[in-house]
Amino acid sequence: MSFEGLLGNAPALRRLTVMIEGGRRPHAFLFGGPEGVGKALAAVEYGKALGATPILIQRREDKQDVILDQIHELTRELSMTSAKPRVIVIDDAHRMSEEAQNAILKTLEEPPANTTIILVTHVPDKLLGTIRSRCQTLFFHPLADAEIEGIARSKHRLDGDRAKIATLLARGSIGALSGLIDTLDEIISAARDLQERSVTGELNKLIEALGKIKDNEEARARAKRDLGLVAQALREVLLARTGYKPVLATPTFLQKLSKLDEDAILERIETLIDHARMIDLNANVGLCVEDALLRV
């Protein structure tokens, strides 16, 4: 078993392969790591390798979360014995409510025979500690920039700086790369506008608009994107010191932020990352973005 169709994450996939070949099958896994790096796909392929047809649990299109009814339906099905291997993949497991998590916890405490449950999440901290402690954790990491850029050029037909910018923004995520292709020009424009506002201090209109943001899934995704854009521009400021030619950072942003020492720039990047994480943990979107940008 080699997971030949999957890109990147050789250590995690090798570990799964060794388990399969050795006949070891934990009753529960937690696949953690950034969004769009192949966690769910690896979980499904693992199930197939065991000879099972994986059952994939995802939030329904009309719902924001994986709801309790879905978990109850799953636990009822698992209560029936099976001689064949069963693999359950719960994607975006952090979207389970506390009630749903407690329901699946009971199954993890008394796992059914021939059953493996795989929780897939990019926010493992939102899972109950009792759930995490009962799972064998496997971390998946971003793909190398060279792999992402190759996909951007060959599959998405991007060239020049657009391919490099897409690679920079994807941050090692195939899923993120696919998601930004159709709006790449709009994203580049937003990135440059955010940089100019940050360096000139003209944040009033932006802050006023943030105060009107509705706290919904779309707003959270947009806010995380905007914080990520500024963080990427800051990374280019650091890379420029090694001879790298920036493709996303504007000349004004580069000139002003280059005056800071490396630790100060890293501190700003960390602040942006932390605030994006806070949005994942249900912090107020407008206040979170405002506070992050004021610190740049």
C-alpha atoms as a PDB file:
ATOM      1  CA  MET A   1       0.000   0.000   0.000  1.00  0.00           C
ATOM      2  CA  SER A   2       1.644   3.258  -1.067  1.00  0.00           C
ATOM      3  CA  PHE A   3      -1.034   6.000  -1.427  1.00  0.00           C
ATOM      4  CA  GLU A   4       0.448   6.711  -4.843  1.00  0.00           C
ATOM      5  CA  GLY A   5      -2.257   9.190  -5.864  1.00  0.00           C
ATOM      6  CA  LEU A   6      -1.561  11.574  -2.981  1.00  0.00           C
ATOM      7  CA  LEU A   7       0.943  14.415  -3.059  1.00  0.00           C
ATOM      8  CA  GLY A   8       3.212  15.343  -0.168  1.00  0.00           C
ATOM      9  CA  ASN A   9       3.067  14.176   3.458  1.00  0.00           C
ATOM     10  CA  ALA A  10       5.322  11.185   2.869  1.00  0.00           C
ATOM     11  CA  PRO A  11       6.046  10.633   6.614  1.00  0.00           C
ATOM     12  CA  ALA A  12       2.350  10.453   7.561  1.00  0.00           C
ATOM     13  CA  LEU A  13       1.490   8.213   4.622  1.00  0.00           C
ATOM     14  CA  ARG A  14       4.491   5.983   5.316  1.00  0.00           C
ATOM     15  CA  ARG A  15       3.335   5.571   8.898  1.00  0.00           C
ATOM     16  CA  LEU A  16      -0.119   4.508   7.717  1.00  0.00           C
ATOM     17  CA  THR A  17       1.437   2.084   5.248  1.00  0.00           C
ATOM     18  CA  VAL A  18       3.557   0.480   7.974  1.00  0.00           C
ATOM     19  CA  MET A  19       0.468   0.061  10.158  1.00  0.00           C
ATOM     20  CA  ILE A  20      -1.463  -1.598   7.353  1.00  0.00           C
ATOM     21  CA  GLU A  21       1.385  -3.933   6.445  1.00  0.00           C
ATOM     22  CA  GLY A  22       1.927  -4.810  10.106  1.00  0.00           C
ATOM     23  CA  GLY A  23      -1.731  -5.593  10.671  1.00  0.00           C
ATOM     24  CA  ARG A  24      -2.092  -2.816  13.251  1.00  0.00           C
ATOM     25  CA  ARG A  25      -5.306  -0.841  13.142  1.00  0.00           C
ATOM     26  CA  PRO A  26      -5.997   1.732  15.877  1.00  0.00           C
ATOM     27  CA  HIS A  27      -9.669   2.156  16.652  1.00  0.00           C
ATOM     28  CA  ALA A  28      -9.421   5.943  16.305  1.00  0.00           C
ATOM     29  CA  PHE A  29      -7.220   8.491  14.519  1.00  0.00           C
ATOM     30  CA  LEU A  30      -7.053  12.259  14.581  1.00  0.00           C
ATOM     31  CA  PHE A  31      -5.722  13.611  11.284  1.00  0.00           C
ATOM     32  CA  GLY A  32      -4.603  17.195  12.012  1.00  0.00           C
ATOM     33  CA  GLY A  33      -2.978  19.872   9.898  1.00  0.00           C
ATOM     34  CA  PRO A  34      -3.765  22.901   7.725  1.00  0.00           C
ATOM     35  CA  GLU A  35      -6.794  23.028   5.468  1.00  0.00           C
ATOM     36  CA  GLY A  36      -6.517  21.568   1.992  1.00  0.00           C
ATOM     37  CA  VAL A  37      -3.396  19.411   2.415  1.00  0.00           C
ATOM     38  CA  GLY A  38      -5.096  16.061   1.754  1.00  0.00           C
ATOM     39  CA  LYS A  39      -6.122  14.885   5.241  1.00  0.00           C
ATOM     40  CA  ALA A  40      -9.635  13.733   4.318  1.00  0.00           C
ATOM     41  CA  LEU A  41      -8.449  12.147   1.081  1.00  0.00           C
ATOM     42  CA  ALA A  42      -5.760  10.224   2.959  1.00  0.00           C
ATOM     43  CA  ALA A  43      -8.391   9.047   5.460  1.00  0.00           C
ATOM     44  CA  VAL A  44     -10.617   7.753   2.678  1.00  0.00           C
ATOM     45  CA  GLU A  45      -7.707   6.016   0.935  1.00  0.00           C
ATOM     46  CA  TYR A  46      -6.674   4.439   4.225  1.00  0.00           C
ATOM     47  CA  GLY A  47     -10.166   3.019   4.590  1.00  0.00           C
ATOM     48  CA  LYS A  48     -10.064   1.591   1.089  1.00  0.00           C
ATOM     49  CA  ALA A  49      -6.707  -0.018   1.839  1.00  0.00           C
ATOM     50  CA  LEU A  50      -8.317  -1.856   4.758  1.00  0.00           C
ATOM     51  CA  GLY A  51     -10.936  -3.248   2.389  1.00  0.00           C
ATOM     52  CA  ALA A  52     -13.705  -0.990   3.599  1.00  0.00           C
ATOM     53  CA  THR A  53     -15.959   1.491   1.846  1.00  0.00           C
ATOM     54  CA  PRO A  54     -15.407   4.538   4.074  1.00  0.00           C
ATOM     55  CA  ILE A  55     -18.444   6.329   5.468  1.00  0.00           C
ATOM     56  CA  LEU A  56     -17.803  10.072   5.164  1.00  0.00           C
ATOM     57  CA  ILE A  57     -19.581  12.358   7.623  1.00  0.00           C
ATOM     58  CA  GLN A  58     -19.624  16.047   6.636  1.00  0.00           C
ATOM     59  CA  ARG A  59     -21.730  19.022   7.582  1.00  0.00           C
ATOM     60  CA  ARG A  60     -24.861  19.231   5.467  1.00  0.00           C
ATOM     61  CA  GLU A  61     -25.042  22.079   2.960  1.00  0.00           C
ATOM     62  CA  ASP A  62     -27.838  23.822   4.862  1.00  0.00           C
ATOM     63  CA  LYS A  63     -26.019  23.596   8.195  1.00  0.00           C
ATOM     64  CA  GLN A  64     -22.995  25.367   9.647  1.00  0.00           C
ATOM     65  CA  ASP A  65     -21.981  22.421  11.823  1.00  0.00           C
ATOM     66  CA  VAL A  66     -21.945  18.647  11.943  1.00  0.00           C
ATOM     67  CA  ILE A  67     -25.178  18.247  13.885  1.00  0.00           C
ATOM     68  CA  LEU A  68     -26.106  15.888  16.694  1.00  0.00           C
ATOM     69  CA  ASP A  69     -28.576  13.946  14.552  1.00  0.00           C
ATOM     70  CA  GLN A  70     -25.790  12.942  12.170  1.00  0.00           C
ATOM     71  CA  ILE A  71     -23.712  11.563  15.034  1.00  0.00           C
ATOM     72  CA  HIS A  72     -26.694   9.766  16.576  1.00  0.00           C
ATOM     73  CA  GLU A  73     -27.434   8.175  13.209  1.00  0.00           C
ATOM     74  CA  LEU A  74     -23.816   7.080  12.981  1.00  0.00           C
ATOM     75  CA  THR A  75     -23.708   5.608  16.491  1.00  0.00           C
ATOM     76  CA  ARG A  76     -26.918   3.656  15.826  1.00  0.00           C
ATOM     77  CA  GLU A  77     -25.327   2.154  12.739  1.00  0.00           C
ATOM     78  CA  LEU A  78     -22.158   1.307  14.626  1.00  0.00           C
ATOM     79  CA  SER A  79     -24.162  -0.440  17.338  1.00  0.00           C
ATOM     80  CA  MET A  80     -24.851  -3.205  14.837  1.00  0.00           C
ATOM     81  CA  THR A  81     -22.048  -5.764  14.684  1.00  0.00           C
ATOM     82  CA  SER A  82     -20.126  -6.256  11.472  1.00  0.00           C
ATOM     83  CA  ALA A  83     -17.661  -8.928  10.423  1.00  0.00           C
ATOM     84  CA  LYS A  84     -16.252  -6.608   7.762  1.00  0.00           C
ATOM     85  CA  PRO A  85     -13.943  -3.649   8.462  1.00  0.00           C
ATOM     86  CA  ARG A  86     -15.703  -0.315   8.877  1.00  0.00           C
ATOM     87  CA  VAL A  87     -13.994   3.058   8.542  1.00  0.00           C
ATOM     88  CA  ILE A  88     -15.777   6.257   9.531  1.00  0.00           C
ATOM     89  CA  VAL A  89     -14.300   9.595   8.437  1.00  0.00           C
ATOM     90  CA  ILE A  90     -15.673  12.685  10.179  1.00  0.00           C
ATOM     91  CA  ASP A  91     -14.462  15.660   8.151  1.00  0.00           C
ATOM     92  CA  ASP A  92     -14.133  19.070   9.840  1.00  0.00           C
ATOM     93  CA  ALA A  93     -14.579  17.268  13.148  1.00  0.00           C
ATOM     94  CA  HIS A  94     -14.162  20.565  15.023  1.00  0.00           C
ATOM     95  CA  ARG A  95     -17.595  21.511  13.683  1.00  0.00           C
ATOM     96  CA  MET A  96     -19.251  19.010  15.990  1.00  0.00           C
ATOM     97  CA  SER A  97     -21.185  20.647  18.796  1.00  0.00           C
ATOM     98  CA  GLU A  98     -20.235  19.716  22.349  1.00  0.00           C
ATOM     99  CA  GLU A  99     -23.288  17.436  22.468  1.00  0.00           C
ATOM    100  CA  ALA A 100     -22.216  15.718  19.254  1.00  0.00           C
ATOM    101  CA  GLN A 101     -18.661  15.354  20.570  1.00  0.00           C
ATOM    102  CA  ASN A 102     -19.945  13.755  23.767  1.00  0.00           C
ATOM    103  CA  ALA A 103     -22.027  11.360  21.691  1.00  0.00           C
ATOM    104  CA  ILE A 104     -19.028  10.228  19.611  1.00  0.00           C
ATOM    105  CA  LEU A 105     -16.903  10.083  22.790  1.00  0.00           C
ATOM    106  CA  LYS A 106     -19.033   7.233  24.093  1.00  0.00           C
ATOM    107  CA  THR A 107     -18.238   5.278  20.927  1.00  0.00           C
ATOM    108  CA  LEU A 108     -14.521   6.025  21.296  1.00  0.00           C
ATOM    109  CA  GLU A 109     -14.610   4.819  24.902  1.00  0.00           C
ATOM    110  CA  GLU A 110     -16.171   1.495  23.866  1.00  0.00           C
ATOM    111  CA  PRO A 111     -15.096   1.081  20.235  1.00  0.00           C
ATOM    112  CA  PRO A 112     -17.049  -1.428  18.150  1.00  0.00           C
ATOM    113  CA  ALA A 113     -15.115  -4.355  16.716  1.00  0.00           C
ATOM    114  CA  ASN A 114     -13.650  -4.005  13.220  1.00  0.00           C
ATOM    115  CA  THR A 115     -14.249  -0.256  13.277  1.00  0.00           C
ATOM    116  CA  THR A 116     -11.876   2.687  12.811  1.00  0.00           C
ATOM    117  CA  ILE A 117     -13.017   6.270  13.335  1.00  0.00           C
ATOM    118  CA  ILE A 118     -10.929   9.028  11.779  1.00  0.00           C
ATOM    119  CA  LEU A 119     -11.481  12.617  12.907  1.00  0.00           C
ATOM    120  CA  VAL A 120     -10.189  15.138  10.373  1.00  0.00           C
ATOM    121  CA  THR A 121      -9.650  18.735  11.488  1.00  0.00           C
ATOM    122  CA  HIS A 122      -7.494  21.818  11.089  1.00  0.00           C
ATOM    123  CA  VAL A 123      -8.562  23.064  14.536  1.00  0.00           C
ATOM    124  CA  PRO A 124      -7.893  20.142  16.913  1.00  0.00           C
ATOM    125  CA  ASP A 125      -8.075  22.484  19.921  1.00  0.00           C
ATOM    126  CA  LYS A 126     -11.842  22.712  19.408  1.00  0.00           C
ATOM    127  CA  LEU A 127     -12.196  18.996  20.131  1.00  0.00           C
ATOM    128  CA  LEU A 128     -12.675  17.827  23.696  1.00  0.00           C
ATOM    129  CA  GLY A 129      -9.447  16.780  25.369  1.00  0.00           C
ATOM    130  CA  THR A 130     -11.050  13.437  26.207  1.00  0.00           C
ATOM    131  CA  ILE A 131     -11.621  12.834  22.504  1.00  0.00           C
ATOM    132  CA  ARG A 132      -8.065  13.789  21.524  1.00  0.00           C
ATOM    133  CA  SER A 133      -6.615  11.514  24.192  1.00  0.00           C
ATOM    134  CA  ARG A 134      -8.427   8.503  22.734  1.00  0.00           C
ATOM    135  CA  CYS A 135      -7.145   9.046  19.210  1.00  0.00           C
ATOM    136  CA  GLN A 136      -3.798   8.311  17.637  1.00  0.00           C
ATOM    137  CA  THR A 137      -2.765  11.663  16.172  1.00  0.00           C
ATOM    138  CA  LEU A 138      -1.216  11.978  12.741  1.00  0.00           C
ATOM    139  CA  PHE A 139      -0.113  15.390  11.491  1.00  0.00           C
ATOM    140  CA  PHE A 140      -0.240  16.443   7.852  1.00  0.00           C
ATOM    141  CA  HIS A 141       1.864  19.337   6.630  1.00  0.00           C
ATOM    142  CA  PRO A 142       1.776  21.834   3.748  1.00  0.00           C
ATOM    143  CA  LEU A 143       3.186  20.716   0.411  1.00  0.00           C
ATOM    144  CA  ALA A 144       6.473  22.170  -0.812  1.00  0.00           C
ATOM    145  CA  ASP A 145       6.187  25.397  -2.798  1.00  0.00           C
ATOM    146  CA  ALA A 146       7.739  23.685  -5.815  1.00  0.00           C
ATOM    147  CA  GLU A 147       4.924  21.118  -5.847  1.00  0.00           C
ATOM    148  CA  ILE A 148       2.240  23.774  -5.480  1.00  0.00           C
ATOM    149  CA  GLU A 149       3.752  25.979  -8.189  1.00  0.00           C
ATOM    150  CA  GLY A 150       3.970  22.982 -10.496  1.00  0.00           C
ATOM    151  CA  ILE A 151       0.245  22.352 -10.019  1.00  0.00           C
ATOM    152  CA  ALA A 152      -0.526  26.056 -10.498  1.00  0.00           C
ATOM    153  CA  ARG A 153       1.298  26.056 -13.825  1.00  0.00           C
ATOM    154  CA  SER A 154       0.324  22.647 -15.198  1.00  0.00           C
ATOM    155  CA  LYS A 155      -3.251  22.232 -13.945  1.00  0.00           C
ATOM    156  CA  HIS A 156      -4.424  25.827 -13.602  1.00  0.00           C
ATOM    157  CA  ARG A 157      -2.395  27.275 -16.471  1.00  0.00           C
ATOM    158  CA  LEU A 158      -0.963  30.166 -14.466  1.00  0.00           C
ATOM    159  CA  ASP A 159       2.319  31.711 -15.463  1.00  0.00           C
ATOM    160  CA  GLY A 160       4.785  34.383 -14.398  1.00  0.00           C
ATOM    161  CA  ASP A 161       4.115  36.305 -11.193  1.00  0.00           C
ATOM    162  CA  ARG A 162       0.520  35.045 -11.043  1.00  0.00           C
ATOM    163  CA  ALA A 163       1.771  31.481 -10.567  1.00  0.00           C
ATOM    164  CA  LYS A 164       4.222  32.643  -7.904  1.00  0.00           C
ATOM    165  CA  ILE A 165       1.564  34.695  -6.090  1.00  0.00           C
ATOM    166  CA  ALA A 166      -0.882  31.788  -6.174  1.00  0.00           C
ATOM    167  CA  THR A 167       1.830  29.543  -4.735  1.00  0.00           C
ATOM    168  CA  LEU A 168       2.614  32.060  -2.005  1.00  0.00           C
ATOM    169  CA  LEU A 169      -1.058  32.436  -1.039  1.00  0.00           C
ATOM    170  CA  ALA A 170      -1.809  28.711  -1.150  1.00  0.00           C
ATOM    171  CA  ARG A 171       0.766  28.123   1.605  1.00  0.00           C
ATOM    172  CA  GLY A 172       1.236  24.495   0.672  1.00  0.00           C
ATOM    173  CA  SER A 173      -2.486  23.710   0.342  1.00  0.00           C
ATOM    174  CA  ILE A 174      -3.835  22.183  -2.863  1.00  0.00           C
ATOM    175  CA  GLY A 175      -7.342  22.997  -1.668  1.00  0.00           C
ATOM    176  CA  ALA A 176      -6.456  26.645  -1.066  1.00  0.00           C
ATOM    177  CA  LEU A 177      -4.811  26.836  -4.499  1.00  0.00           C
ATOM    178  CA  SER A 178      -7.937  25.545  -6.234  1.00  0.00           C
ATOM    179  CA  GLY A 179     -10.123  27.909  -4.230  1.00  0.00           C
ATOM    180  CA  LEU A 180      -8.300  31.090  -5.205  1.00  0.00           C
ATOM    181  CA  ILE A 181      -7.850  30.555  -8.951  1.00  0.00           C
ATOM    182  CA  ASP A 182     -11.148  32.122 -10.079  1.00  0.00           C
ATOM    183  CA  THR A 183     -10.700  35.233  -7.941  1.00  0.00           C
ATOM    184  CA  LEU A 184      -6.918  35.550  -8.034  1.00  0.00           C
ATOM    185  CA  ASP A 185      -6.883  39.037  -9.557  1.00  0.00           C
ATOM    186  CA  GLU A 186      -9.414  40.274  -6.997  1.00  0.00           C
ATOM    187  CA  ILE A 187      -7.334  38.763  -4.184  1.00  0.00           C
ATOM    188  CA  ILE A 188      -4.142  40.397  -5.439  1.00  0.00           C
ATOM    189  CA  SER A 189      -5.926  43.755  -5.571  1.00  0.00           C
ATOM    190  CA  ALA A 190      -7.261  43.278  -2.019  1.00  0.00           C
ATOM    191  CA  ALA A 191      -3.786  42.354  -0.782  1.00  0.00           C
ATOM    192  CA  ARG A 192      -2.250  45.486  -2.179  1.00  0.00           C
ATOM    193  CA  ASP A 193      -5.057  47.684  -0.842  1.00  0.00           C
ATOM    194  CA  LEU A 194      -4.644  46.202   2.658  1.00  0.00           C
ATOM    195  CA  GLN A 195      -0.909  46.853   2.557  1.00  0.00           C
ATOM    196  CA  GLU A 196      -1.321  50.444   1.470  1.00  0.00           C
ATOM    197  CA  ARG A 197      -3.899  51.099   4.184  1.00  0.00           C
ATOM    198  CA  SER A 198      -1.657  49.498   6.783  1.00  0.00           C
ATOM    199  CA  VAL A 199       1.438  51.548   5.973  1.00  0.00           C
ATOM    200  CA  THR A 200      -0.415  54.867   5.550  1.00  0.00           C
ATOM    201  CA  GLY A 201      -2.572  54.390   8.630  1.00  0.00           C
ATOM    202  CA  GLU A 202      -5.748  54.965   6.576  1.00  0.00           C
ATOM    203  CA  LEU A 203      -7.731  52.263   8.340  1.00  0.00           C
ATOM    204  CA  ASN A 204     -10.792  54.288   9.342  1.00  0.00           C
ATOM    205  CA  LYS A 205     -12.969  53.275   6.399  1.00  0.00           C
ATOM    206  CA  LEU A 206     -11.842  49.697   6.700  1.00  0.00           C
ATOM    207  CA  ILE A 207     -12.548  49.619  10.441  1.00  0.00           C
ATOM    208  CA  GLU A 208     -15.950  51.200   9.876  1.00  0.00           C
ATOM    209  CA  ALA A 209     -16.767  48.497   7.341  1.00  0.00           C
ATOM    210  CA  LEU A 210     -15.548  45.799   9.736  1.00  0.00           C
ATOM    211  CA  GLY A 211     -18.013  47.009  12.332  1.00  0.00           C
ATOM    212  CA  LYS A 212     -20.839  46.171   9.928  1.00  0.00           C
ATOM    213  CA  ILE A 213     -19.632  42.659   9.188  1.00  0.00           C
ATOM    214  CA  LYS A 214     -22.112  39.912   9.932  1.00  0.00           C
ATOM    215  CA  ASP A 215     -20.536  37.130  11.937  1.00  0.00           C
ATOM    216  CA  ASN A 216     -21.165  34.304   9.501  1.00  0.00           C
ATOM    217  CA  GLU A 217     -19.102  31.645   7.738  1.00  0.00           C
ATOM    218  CA  GLU A 218     -18.436  33.796   4.676  1.00  0.00           C
ATOM    219  CA  ALA A 219     -17.257  36.713   6.796  1.00  0.00           C
ATOM    220  CA  ARG A 220     -14.944  34.475   8.800  1.00  0.00           C
ATOM    221  CA  ALA A 221     -13.384  33.054   5.644  1.00  0.00           C
ATOM    222  CA  ARG A 222     -12.903  36.556   4.208  1.00  0.00           C
ATOM    223  CA  ALA A 223     -11.379  37.865   7.427  1.00  0.00           C
ATOM    224  CA  LYS A 224      -8.937  34.959   7.664  1.00  0.00           C
ATOM    225  CA  ARG A 225      -8.026  35.525   4.032  1.00  0.00           C
ATOM    226  CA  ASP A 226      -7.294  39.220   4.619  1.00  0.00           C
ATOM    227  CA  LEU A 227      -5.105  38.529   7.636  1.00  0.00           C
ATOM    228  CA  GLY A 228      -3.297  35.852   5.630  1.00  0.00           C
ATOM    229  CA  LEU A 229      -2.658  38.305   2.788  1.00  0.00           C
ATOM    230  CA  VAL A 230      -0.902  40.766   5.066  1.00  0.00           C
ATOM    231  CA  ALA A 231       1.046  37.953   6.743  1.00  0.00           C
ATOM    232  CA  GLN A 232       2.256  36.752   3.350  1.00  0.00           C
ATOM    233  CA  ALA A 233       3.370  40.233   2.390  1.00  0.00           C
ATOM    234  CA  LEU A 234       5.359  40.390   5.640  1.00  0.00           C
ATOM    235  CA  ARG A 235       6.967  37.045   4.840  1.00  0.00           C
ATOM    236  CA  GLU A 236       8.090  38.511   1.536  1.00  0.00           C
ATOM    237  CA  VAL A 237       9.676  41.404   3.407  1.00  0.00           C
ATOM    238  CA  LEU A 238      11.814  38.858   5.245  1.00  0.00           C
ATOM    239  CA  LEU A 239      12.557  36.814   2.123  1.00  0.00           C
ATOM    240  CA  ALA A 240      13.658  39.955   0.266  1.00  0.00           C
ATOM    241  CA  ARG A 241      16.672  40.083   2.594  1.00  0.00           C
ATOM    242  CA  THR A 242      17.894  36.830   1.055  1.00  0.00           C
ATOM    243  CA  GLY A 243      17.674  38.084  -2.511  1.00  0.00           C
ATOM    244  CA  TYR A 244      14.107  36.922  -3.143  1.00  0.00           C
ATOM    245  CA  LYS A 245      12.106  39.167  -5.498  1.00  0.00           C
ATOM    246  CA  PRO A 246       8.713  39.992  -3.900  1.00  0.00           C
ATOM    247  CA  VAL A 247       5.636  39.425  -6.050  1.00  0.00           C
ATOM    248  CA  LEU A 248       2.865  40.294  -3.575  1.00  0.00           C
ATOM    249  CA  ALA A 249       4.379  42.951  -1.272  1.00  0.00           C
ATOM    250  CA  THR A 250       4.006  46.469  -2.678  1.00  0.00           C
ATOM    251  CA  PRO A 251       7.071  48.720  -2.962  1.00  0.00           C
ATOM    252  CA  THR A 252       5.687  51.072  -0.273  1.00  0.00           C
ATOM    253  CA  PHE A 253       4.959  48.220   2.129  1.00  0.00           C
ATOM    254  CA  LEU A 254       8.371  46.703   1.459  1.00  0.00           C
ATOM    255  CA  GLN A 255      10.177  50.003   1.983  1.00  0.00           C
ATOM    256  CA  LYS A 256       8.483  50.811   5.286  1.00  0.00           C
ATOM    257  CA  LEU A 257       8.490  47.346   6.868  1.00  0.00           C
ATOM    258  CA  SER A 258      12.082  46.643   5.791  1.00  0.00           C
ATOM    259  CA  LYS A 259      13.169  49.185   8.421  1.00  0.00           C
ATOM    260  CA  LEU A 260      12.063  46.787  11.164  1.00  0.00           C
ATOM    261  CA  ASP A 261      14.373  44.127  12.518  1.00  0.00           C
ATOM    262  CA  GLU A 262      13.626  40.461  11.902  1.00  0.00           C
ATOM    263  CA  ASP A 263      12.121  39.824  15.343  1.00  0.00           C
ATOM    264  CA  ALA A 264       9.674  42.711  14.953  1.00  0.00           C
ATOM    265  CA  ILE A 265       8.489  41.387  11.593  1.00  0.00           C
ATOM    266  CA  LEU A 266       8.138  37.853  12.952  1.00  0.00           C
ATOM    267  CA  GLU A 267       6.139  39.214  15.873  1.00  0.00           C
ATOM    268  CA  ARG A 268       3.710  40.886  13.460  1.00  0.00           C
ATOM    269  CA  ILE A 269       3.357  37.711  11.409  1.00  0.00           C
ATOM    270  CA  GLU A 270       2.652  35.731  14.572  1.00  0.00           C
ATOM    271  CA  THR A 271       0.030  38.280  15.618  1.00  0.00           C
ATOM    272  CA  LEU A 272      -1.785  37.898  12.308  1.00  0.00           C
ATOM    273  CA  ILE A 273      -1.651  34.098  12.542  1.00  0.00           C
ATOM    274  CA  ASP A 274      -2.905  34.170  16.136  1.00  0.00           C
ATOM    275  CA  HIS A 275      -5.822  36.416  15.210  1.00  0.00           C
ATOM    276  CA  ALA A 276      -6.764  34.148  12.302  1.00  0.00           C
ATOM    277  CA  ARG A 277      -6.746  31.257  14.775  1.00  0.00           C
ATOM    278  CA  MET A 278      -8.965  33.274  17.110  1.00  0.00           C
ATOM    279  CA  ILE A 279     -11.478  33.644  14.288  1.00  0.00           C
ATOM    280  CA  ASP A 280     -11.534  29.847  13.989  1.00  0.00           C
ATOM    281  CA  LEU A 281     -12.269  29.762  17.717  1.00  0.00           C
ATOM    282  CA  ASN A 282     -15.315  32.035  17.255  1.00  0.00           C
ATOM    283  CA  ALA A 283     -13.817  35.419  18.152  1.00  0.00           C
ATOM    284  CA  ASN A 284     -15.665  38.507  16.890  1.00  0.00           C
ATOM    285  CA  VAL A 285     -14.643  38.908  13.242  1.00  0.00           C
ATOM    286  CA  GLY A 286     -14.585  42.705  13.001  1.00  0.00           C
ATOM    287  CA  LEU A 287     -12.750  43.297  16.267  1.00  0.00           C
ATOM    288  CA  CYS A 288     -10.250  40.548  15.498  1.00  0.00           C
ATOM    289  CA  VAL A 289      -9.263  41.960  12.085  1.00  0.00           C
ATOM    290  CA  GLU A 290      -9.198  45.526  13.387  1.00  0.00           C
ATOM    291  CA  ASP A 291      -6.886  44.638  16.279  1.00  0.00           C
ATOM    292  CA  ALA A 292      -4.566  42.606  14.040  1.00  0.00           C
ATOM    293  CA  LEU A 293      -4.182  45.312  11.384  1.00  0.00           C
ATOM    294  CA  LEU A 294      -3.596  48.047  13.948  1.00  0.00           C
ATOM    295  CA  ARG A 295      -0.625  46.024  15.214  1.00  0.00           C
ATOM    296  CA  VAL A 296       1.004  45.864  11.771  1.00  0.00           C
END
